[in-house]
Amino acid sequence: MANHISDETIEYVGILAKLELSGEEKEQAKKDMESMLDYVDKLNELDTDGVEPMSHVFPVNNVFREDIVTNGDDREEILKNAPERKDGAFVVPKTVE
């Protein structure tokens, strides 16, 4: 392992994450972090010349549909069901005094 994580770093990360770690948990976290950094170093060895950067693995397109009105102006048809109406709208009981 080429990367070494200090005890102070583990302590600082624990504070940032608001974790109370035991001594055993700190040692395990140190090993895990060192392992992650070693893996990143391994990835940095890859030759990425000529590889186009991407923001997502899969092609992401706009998934929104056009906002097309399909029901038209059926106001009078809808208001036929109203028990009471006024000025082309439903009349409802007052809820706030």
Foldseek 3Di string as FASTA:
>chain_A
DPDFDDLVNLVVVCVVVVHDDDPVRSVVVRVVVVVVVVVVVVVVPDDCPPPDDDPDPDDDDDPDDDDDDDPPDCLVVVCVPAPDDDPSGHDDDDDDD
